Amino acid sequence: MQLNVYVPKEKAGLIEELDRTAKRTGRAKNELVLEALERYLREEKPQWRTFDLGEFEMPSRAEIYEEYLDHKMGLDDPGR
């Protein structure tokens, strides 16, 4: 699989550094890029916060839809 990546002029130094690192280490540039990408994705996983809502009984699907339809049709209007 191939992936082409646009590198803006202001980031040209990264490509030069990648070239130097590849020559110095004897490793392929794609290897270095994939290694860096894997490390970044592993470290940057979002940490989702959890919330304790306590114990409660989940409403049934019918109850949810009944409330929705009542609201949509104006049946929940106290002035009616």
Protein backbone atom coordinates (compact mmCIF):
# COMPACT_ATOMS: atom_id res chain seq x y z
CA MET A 1 0.00 0.00 0.00
CA GLN A 2 1.22 3.49 -0.74
CA LEU A 3 0.45 6.78 0.94
CA ASN A 4 1.52 10.12 -0.49
CA VAL A 5 1.74 12.97 1.98
CA TYR A 6 1.89 16.66 1.15
CA VAL A 7 4.63 18.45 3.06
CA PRO A 8 4.32 22.25 3.14
CA LYS A 9 7.44 24.35 2.47
CA GLU A 10 7.66 25.43 6.09
CA LYS A 11 8.04 21.76 7.10
CA ALA A 12 10.79 20.98 4.56
CA GLY A 13 13.26 20.68 7.43
CA LEU A 14 11.46 17.54 8.57
CA ILE A 15 12.13 15.85 5.24
CA GLU A 16 15.80 16.85 5.38
CA GLU A 17 16.04 15.47 8.92
CA LEU A 18 14.31 12.27 7.79
CA ASP A 19 16.87 11.90 4.96
CA ARG A 20 19.79 12.41 7.36
CA THR A 21 18.34 9.96 9.90
CA ALA A 22 17.76 7.31 7.23
CA LYS A 23 21.35 7.63 6.01
CA ARG A 24 22.80 7.66 9.51
CA THR A 25 20.83 4.62 10.71
CA GLY A 26 20.78 2.70 7.42
CA ARG A 27 17.01 2.33 7.69
CA ALA A 28 14.44 3.05 5.02
CA LYS A 29 12.54 6.34 5.33
CA ASN A 30 9.18 4.58 5.19
CA GLU A 31 10.26 2.42 8.15
CA LEU A 32 11.12 5.49 10.19
CA VAL A 33 7.86 7.25 9.28
CA LEU A 34 5.74 4.20 10.12
CA GLU A 35 7.55 3.74 13.43
CA ALA A 36 6.94 7.39 14.35
CA LEU A 37 3.29 7.18 13.27
CA GLU A 38 2.70 4.02 15.33
CA ARG A 39 4.29 5.63 18.38
CA TYR A 40 2.22 8.80 17.95
CA LEU A 41 -1.06 6.93 17.54
CA ARG A 42 -0.33 4.73 20.54
CA GLU A 43 0.43 7.73 22.77
CA GLU A 44 -2.36 10.01 21.53
CA LYS A 45 -5.35 7.75 22.16
CA PRO A 46 -8.07 9.89 23.69
CA GLN A 47 -8.80 9.13 27.29
CA TRP A 48 -12.57 9.12 27.56
CA ARG A 49 -13.88 10.14 30.93
CA THR A 50 -16.38 7.87 32.59
CA PHE A 51 -19.31 9.04 34.65
CA ASP A 52 -21.10 7.12 37.36
CA LEU A 53 -24.77 7.75 36.87
CA GLY A 54 -25.66 5.56 39.80
CA GLU A 55 -28.21 2.82 39.59
CA PHE A 56 -31.29 3.44 37.49
CA GLU A 57 -33.70 1.48 35.41
CA MET A 58 -33.31 1.91 31.66
CA PRO A 59 -36.54 2.95 29.97
CA SER A 60 -37.85 0.59 27.35
CA ARG A 61 -37.72 1.50 23.68
CA ALA A 62 -41.51 1.84 23.72
CA GLU A 63 -41.36 4.35 26.58
CA ILE A 64 -38.74 6.42 24.77
CA TYR A 65 -40.70 6.51 21.53
CA GLU A 66 -43.97 7.19 23.36
CA GLU A 67 -42.46 10.28 25.01
CA TYR A 68 -40.97 11.41 21.69
CA LEU A 69 -44.25 11.01 19.80
CA ASP A 70 -46.27 12.68 22.54
CA HIS A 71 -43.92 15.64 22.42
CA LYS A 72 -43.88 15.77 18.61
CA MET A 73 -47.69 15.69 18.39
CA GLY A 74 -48.11 18.21 21.21
CA LEU A 75 -49.80 15.71 23.51
CA ASP A 76 -47.46 16.62 26.34
CA ASP A 77 -48.63 20.27 26.27
CA PRO A 78 -50.18 21.00 29.69
CA GLY A 79 -52.41 23.73 28.17
CA ARG A 80 -54.18 21.21 25.96
